[in-house]
Amino acid sequence: MLTYSYLVLHLPRGTSRDVARQILTEHAEYGGWELDRLRLHPDGRRDVRLRRKIIRAVKTM
């Protein structure tokens, strides 16, 4: 069974689309995060939930 860890980012309404893309790209490239959910509010705020797999070592002997 897969287990994930989550990271929630709150981007304020003044954040441009290019800046938001750059932030998410950096988290994906360097942190191994993937987009789980994006919520765009009517006032322009963005709530972003990122996730990544937790890999646990399994004892073989």
N, C-alpha and C. Protein backbone atom coordinates (compact mmCIF):
# COMPACT_ATOMS: atom_id res chain seq x y z
N MET A 1 0.84 -1.18 0.00
CA MET A 1 0.00 0.00 0.00
C MET A 1 0.88 1.24 0.00
N LEU A 2 0.52 2.20 -0.83
CA LEU A 2 1.30 3.43 -0.93
C LEU A 2 0.92 4.40 0.18
N THR A 3 1.93 5.05 0.71
CA THR A 3 1.73 6.07 1.72
C THR A 3 2.33 7.37 1.19
N TYR A 4 1.62 8.45 1.38
CA TYR A 4 2.07 9.75 0.88
C TYR A 4 2.26 10.73 2.03
N SER A 5 3.18 11.66 1.82
CA SER A 5 3.27 12.82 2.70
C SER A 5 2.76 14.02 1.89
N TYR A 6 2.17 14.97 2.58
CA TYR A 6 1.53 16.10 1.91
C TYR A 6 2.15 17.41 2.33
N LEU A 7 2.13 18.36 1.43
CA LEU A 7 2.60 19.72 1.67
C LEU A 7 1.55 20.67 1.12
N VAL A 8 1.06 21.57 1.95
CA VAL A 8 0.04 22.52 1.53
C VAL A 8 0.68 23.90 1.39
N LEU A 9 0.47 24.51 0.23
CA LEU A 9 0.97 25.86 -0.04
C LEU A 9 -0.22 26.79 -0.22
N HIS A 10 -0.14 27.96 0.36
CA HIS A 10 -1.18 28.98 0.20
C HIS A 10 -0.53 30.15 -0.54
N LEU A 11 -0.95 30.37 -1.77
CA LEU A 11 -0.40 31.45 -2.58
C LEU A 11 -1.38 32.63 -2.53
N PRO A 12 -0.90 33.82 -2.17
CA PRO A 12 -1.79 34.98 -2.06
C PRO A 12 -2.33 35.43 -3.42
N ARG A 13 -3.34 36.27 -3.40
CA ARG A 13 -4.02 36.64 -4.63
C ARG A 13 -3.17 37.46 -5.59
N GLY A 14 -2.12 38.09 -5.14
CA GLY A 14 -1.27 38.88 -6.02
C GLY A 14 -0.24 38.06 -6.77
N THR A 15 -0.19 36.76 -6.53
CA THR A 15 0.81 35.90 -7.16
C THR A 15 0.44 35.66 -8.62
N SER A 16 1.38 35.96 -9.51
CA SER A 16 1.10 35.76 -10.94
C SER A 16 1.16 34.28 -11.29
N ARG A 17 0.62 33.96 -12.43
CA ARG A 17 0.62 32.57 -12.89
C ARG A 17 2.05 32.06 -13.12
N ASP A 18 2.92 32.92 -13.64
CA ASP A 18 4.30 32.51 -13.89
C ASP A 18 5.06 32.22 -12.59
N VAL A 19 4.84 33.05 -11.58
CA VAL A 19 5.50 32.83 -10.28
C VAL A 19 4.98 31.55 -9.64
N ALA A 20 3.67 31.32 -9.71
CA ALA A 20 3.09 30.08 -9.15
C ALA A 20 3.66 28.86 -9.87
N ARG A 21 3.77 28.94 -11.18
CA ARG A 21 4.34 27.83 -11.96
C ARG A 21 5.79 27.57 -11.56
N GLN A 22 6.56 28.63 -11.36
CA GLN A 22 7.96 28.50 -10.97
C GLN A 22 8.08 27.84 -9.59
N ILE A 23 7.24 28.24 -8.64
CA ILE A 23 7.27 27.66 -7.30
C ILE A 23 6.96 26.16 -7.36
N LEU A 24 5.91 25.81 -8.10
CA LEU A 24 5.52 24.40 -8.20
C LEU A 24 6.55 23.57 -8.94
N THR A 25 7.17 24.16 -9.96
CA THR A 25 8.22 23.45 -10.71
C THR A 25 9.43 23.17 -9.83
N GLU A 26 9.83 24.12 -9.02
CA GLU A 26 10.97 23.91 -8.13
C GLU A 26 10.68 22.83 -7.09
N HIS A 27 9.47 22.82 -6.54
CA HIS A 27 9.11 21.76 -5.59
C HIS A 27 9.12 20.39 -6.26
N ALA A 28 8.67 20.35 -7.52
CA ALA A 28 8.62 19.07 -8.23
C ALA A 28 10.02 18.58 -8.58
N GLU A 29 10.87 19.45 -9.09
CA GLU A 29 12.20 19.04 -9.54
C GLU A 29 13.13 18.70 -8.39
N TYR A 30 13.15 19.53 -7.37
CA TYR A 30 14.14 19.36 -6.31
C TYR A 30 13.62 18.63 -5.09
N GLY A 31 12.31 18.59 -4.90
CA GLY A 31 11.76 17.94 -3.72
C GLY A 31 11.04 16.63 -4.02
N GLY A 32 10.78 16.36 -5.30
CA GLY A 32 10.08 15.13 -5.65
C GLY A 32 8.58 15.20 -5.42
N TRP A 33 8.02 16.40 -5.34
CA TRP A 33 6.59 16.57 -5.09
C TRP A 33 5.82 16.52 -6.39
N GLU A 34 4.56 16.06 -6.32
CA GLU A 34 3.66 16.10 -7.46
C GLU A 34 2.36 16.77 -7.03
N LEU A 35 1.67 17.35 -7.99
CA LEU A 35 0.45 18.08 -7.70
C LEU A 35 -0.67 17.10 -7.35
N ASP A 36 -1.30 17.31 -6.21
CA ASP A 36 -2.43 16.49 -5.79
C ASP A 36 -3.74 17.25 -5.99
N ARG A 37 -3.78 18.50 -5.57
CA ARG A 37 -5.01 19.28 -5.68
C ARG A 37 -4.66 20.76 -5.77
N LEU A 38 -5.39 21.46 -6.62
CA LEU A 38 -5.24 22.90 -6.75
C LEU A 38 -6.62 23.53 -6.65
N ARG A 39 -6.75 24.49 -5.76
CA ARG A 39 -8.02 25.19 -5.61
C ARG A 39 -7.78 26.67 -5.87
N LEU A 40 -8.49 27.21 -6.86
CA LEU A 40 -8.41 28.62 -7.19
C LEU A 40 -9.68 29.29 -6.67
N HIS A 41 -9.51 30.22 -5.75
CA HIS A 41 -10.65 30.90 -5.14
C HIS A 41 -11.08 32.08 -6.01
N PRO A 42 -12.33 32.51 -5.90
CA PRO A 42 -12.83 33.64 -6.71
C PRO A 42 -12.04 34.94 -6.50
N ASP A 43 -11.46 35.13 -5.32
CA ASP A 43 -10.69 36.35 -5.09
C ASP A 43 -9.25 36.25 -5.58
N GLY A 44 -8.85 35.12 -6.17
CA GLY A 44 -7.52 34.98 -6.76
C GLY A 44 -6.54 34.18 -5.93
N ARG A 45 -6.89 33.83 -4.68
CA ARG A 45 -5.99 33.01 -3.86
C ARG A 45 -5.90 31.61 -4.47
N ARG A 46 -4.76 30.95 -4.22
CA ARG A 46 -4.59 29.57 -4.65
C ARG A 46 -4.18 28.73 -3.44
N ASP A 47 -4.85 27.61 -3.26
CA ASP A 47 -4.45 26.62 -2.27
C ASP A 47 -3.97 25.40 -3.05
N VAL A 48 -2.73 25.02 -2.82
CA VAL A 48 -2.13 23.93 -3.57
C VAL A 48 -1.73 22.83 -2.59
N ARG A 49 -2.10 21.60 -2.90
CA ARG A 49 -1.68 20.45 -2.09
C ARG A 49 -0.80 19.57 -2.95
N LEU A 50 0.44 19.38 -2.48
CA LEU A 50 1.41 18.54 -3.16
C LEU A 50 1.58 17.25 -2.37
N ARG A 51 1.98 16.19 -3.06
CA ARG A 51 2.21 14.93 -2.36
C ARG A 51 3.45 14.25 -2.93
N ARG A 52 4.05 13.38 -2.11
CA ARG A 52 5.14 12.53 -2.58
C ARG A 52 5.07 11.22 -1.82
N LYS A 53 5.56 10.19 -2.48
CA LYS A 53 5.50 8.85 -1.89
C LYS A 53 6.50 8.72 -0.76
N ILE A 54 6.08 8.02 0.28
CA ILE A 54 6.98 7.66 1.36
C ILE A 54 7.42 6.24 1.07
N ILE A 55 8.71 6.06 0.87
CA ILE A 55 9.23 4.74 0.57
C ILE A 55 9.87 4.18 1.84
N ARG A 56 9.33 3.09 2.30
CA ARG A 56 9.82 2.48 3.52
C ARG A 56 10.67 1.24 3.16
N ALA A 57 11.77 1.11 3.85
CA ALA A 57 12.64 -0.05 3.64
C ALA A 57 12.00 -1.28 4.30
N VAL A 58 12.03 -2.37 3.57
CA VAL A 58 11.47 -3.61 4.08
C VAL A 58 12.62 -4.55 4.43
N LYS A 59 12.59 -5.06 5.64
CA LYS A 59 13.64 -5.97 6.08
C LYS A 59 13.47 -7.29 5.34
N THR A 60 14.57 -7.79 4.76
CA THR A 60 14.48 -9.02 3.95
C THR A 60 14.83 -10.26 4.74
N MET A 61 15.53 -10.12 5.83
CA MET A 61 15.88 -11.30 6.62
C MET A 61 15.47 -11.16 8.04
